[in-house]
Amino acid sequence: MSWSREEALTDPAIREPLKFLSEFRFSLRDIPVEITIRLYQPVHSGRIVIRRSHDIAVDGIIAGKAYNYDEESSEGEALQAAVCDLVSVYNAARAKELKPDRSWLKANADFQ
């Protein structure tokens, strides 16, 4: 019998299998920390899951609206949402003339 990838991951012992789609690496201007964004797709779904190495938090800056994507979103739309969440806080801090600092980036402990 020939097995598909999806069929190979149907055993009840397996939870939430993901298929790796793509990885992107970059840093924010004047902060020498590499940020990694990975996109995955659940094996039995069409949605996209974002995993990001860092979040951003700047004292005195409130994160703006969260950039959303839905189950029908493309990889590009999901990536744009992940990037905009970081860049919107960064740009708001720069607009208040705050000097970029690596302390703005908080490593995600569960990022592997």
Protein backbone atom coordinates (compact mmCIF):
# COMPACT_ATOMS: atom_id res chain seq x y z
CA MET A 1 0.00 0.00 0.00
CA SER A 2 1.22 3.47 -0.85
CA TRP A 3 0.82 6.10 1.88
CA SER A 4 0.40 9.83 1.40
CA ARG A 5 2.09 12.21 3.82
CA GLU A 6 -1.28 13.13 5.26
CA GLU A 7 -2.27 9.47 5.78
CA ALA A 8 1.05 8.75 7.49
CA LEU A 9 0.14 11.29 10.19
CA THR A 10 -3.36 10.06 11.08
CA ASP A 11 -2.52 7.82 14.02
CA PRO A 12 -4.42 9.01 17.14
CA ALA A 13 -1.12 9.28 19.01
CA ILE A 14 -0.03 12.16 16.75
CA ARG A 15 -1.17 15.63 17.74
CA GLU A 16 -1.21 18.74 15.55
CA PRO A 17 1.19 17.74 12.78
CA LEU A 18 2.59 20.72 10.89
CA LYS A 19 4.23 21.00 7.48
CA PHE A 20 7.05 23.55 7.22
CA LEU A 21 6.37 26.11 4.48
CA SER A 22 9.04 28.81 4.69
CA GLU A 23 11.46 30.74 6.87
CA PHE A 24 12.49 34.38 6.78
CA ARG A 25 15.28 36.15 8.68
CA PHE A 26 15.84 39.86 9.12
CA SER A 27 16.63 42.52 11.69
CA LEU A 28 15.02 45.86 12.43
CA ARG A 29 17.03 48.95 11.56
CA ASP A 30 19.55 49.84 14.28
CA ILE A 31 18.79 46.71 16.36
CA PRO A 32 21.42 44.04 15.61
CA VAL A 33 19.25 41.06 16.56
CA GLU A 34 18.23 38.51 13.96
CA ILE A 35 14.49 37.82 13.92
CA THR A 36 13.21 34.61 12.38
CA ILE A 37 9.68 34.03 11.16
CA ARG A 38 8.60 30.53 10.20
CA LEU A 39 5.37 29.61 8.46
CA TYR A 40 3.77 26.19 8.87
CA GLN A 41 0.59 24.58 7.64
CA PRO A 42 -1.32 22.03 9.69
CA VAL A 43 -1.28 18.79 7.71
CA HIS A 44 -5.05 18.41 7.75
CA SER A 45 -5.96 22.10 7.24
CA GLY A 46 -5.35 24.93 4.82
CA ARG A 47 -4.61 27.61 7.40
CA ILE A 48 -1.14 28.98 8.14
CA VAL A 49 0.58 28.99 11.54
CA ILE A 50 3.17 31.67 12.32
CA ARG A 51 6.11 31.08 14.65
CA ARG A 52 8.25 34.11 15.42
CA SER A 53 11.57 34.14 17.30
CA HIS A 54 10.93 37.51 18.95
CA ASP A 55 8.14 39.83 19.96
CA ILE A 56 8.57 43.55 20.46
CA ALA A 57 7.67 45.67 23.47
CA VAL A 58 8.70 49.27 24.06
CA ASP A 59 7.92 51.11 27.31
CA GLY A 60 5.34 53.81 26.64
CA ILE A 61 4.29 52.39 23.30
CA ILE A 62 0.99 50.57 23.06
CA ALA A 63 0.80 47.98 20.32
CA GLY A 64 -1.59 49.08 17.62
CA LYS A 65 -4.21 46.92 16.06
CA ALA A 66 -3.15 43.33 15.59
CA TYR A 67 -2.68 42.44 11.95
CA ASN A 68 -4.85 39.47 11.27
CA TYR A 69 -4.98 36.84 8.64
CA ASP A 70 -7.58 34.15 8.20
CA GLU A 71 -7.86 30.59 7.01
CA GLU A 72 -8.01 31.73 3.40
CA SER A 73 -4.81 33.80 3.67
CA SER A 74 -1.78 33.16 1.51
CA GLU A 75 1.76 32.75 2.84
CA GLY A 76 2.42 36.37 1.87
CA GLU A 77 -0.58 37.64 3.84
CA ALA A 78 0.43 35.63 6.92
CA LEU A 79 4.03 36.88 6.65
CA GLN A 80 2.80 40.47 6.26
CA ALA A 81 0.73 40.12 9.45
CA ALA A 82 3.73 38.77 11.38
CA VAL A 83 6.03 41.52 10.11
CA CYS A 84 3.52 44.35 10.63
CA ASP A 85 3.05 43.37 14.29
CA LEU A 86 6.77 44.04 14.82
CA VAL A 87 7.21 47.02 12.53
CA SER A 88 4.17 48.94 13.78
CA VAL A 89 5.54 49.07 17.35
CA TYR A 90 9.06 49.83 16.08
CA ASN A 91 7.81 52.70 13.90
CA ALA A 92 5.60 54.11 16.69
CA ALA A 93 8.62 54.19 19.02
CA ARG A 94 10.78 55.85 16.37
CA ALA A 95 8.03 58.43 15.75
CA LYS A 96 8.34 59.36 19.45
CA GLU A 97 12.07 59.78 18.80
CA LEU A 98 13.06 56.82 20.94
CA LYS A 99 16.45 55.32 20.13
CA PRO A 100 16.18 51.68 18.97
CA ASP A 101 17.47 49.22 21.53
CA ARG A 102 17.89 45.45 21.52
CA SER A 103 15.88 45.33 24.79
CA TRP A 104 12.80 46.09 22.69
CA LEU A 105 12.95 42.53 21.34
CA LYS A 106 11.79 39.74 23.62
CA ALA A 107 12.85 36.23 22.63
CA ASN A 108 10.01 33.73 22.46
CA ALA A 109 10.99 30.92 24.82
CA ASP A 110 8.96 28.33 22.92
CA PHE A 111 10.53 29.17 19.53
CA GLN A 112 12.66 26.26 18.37
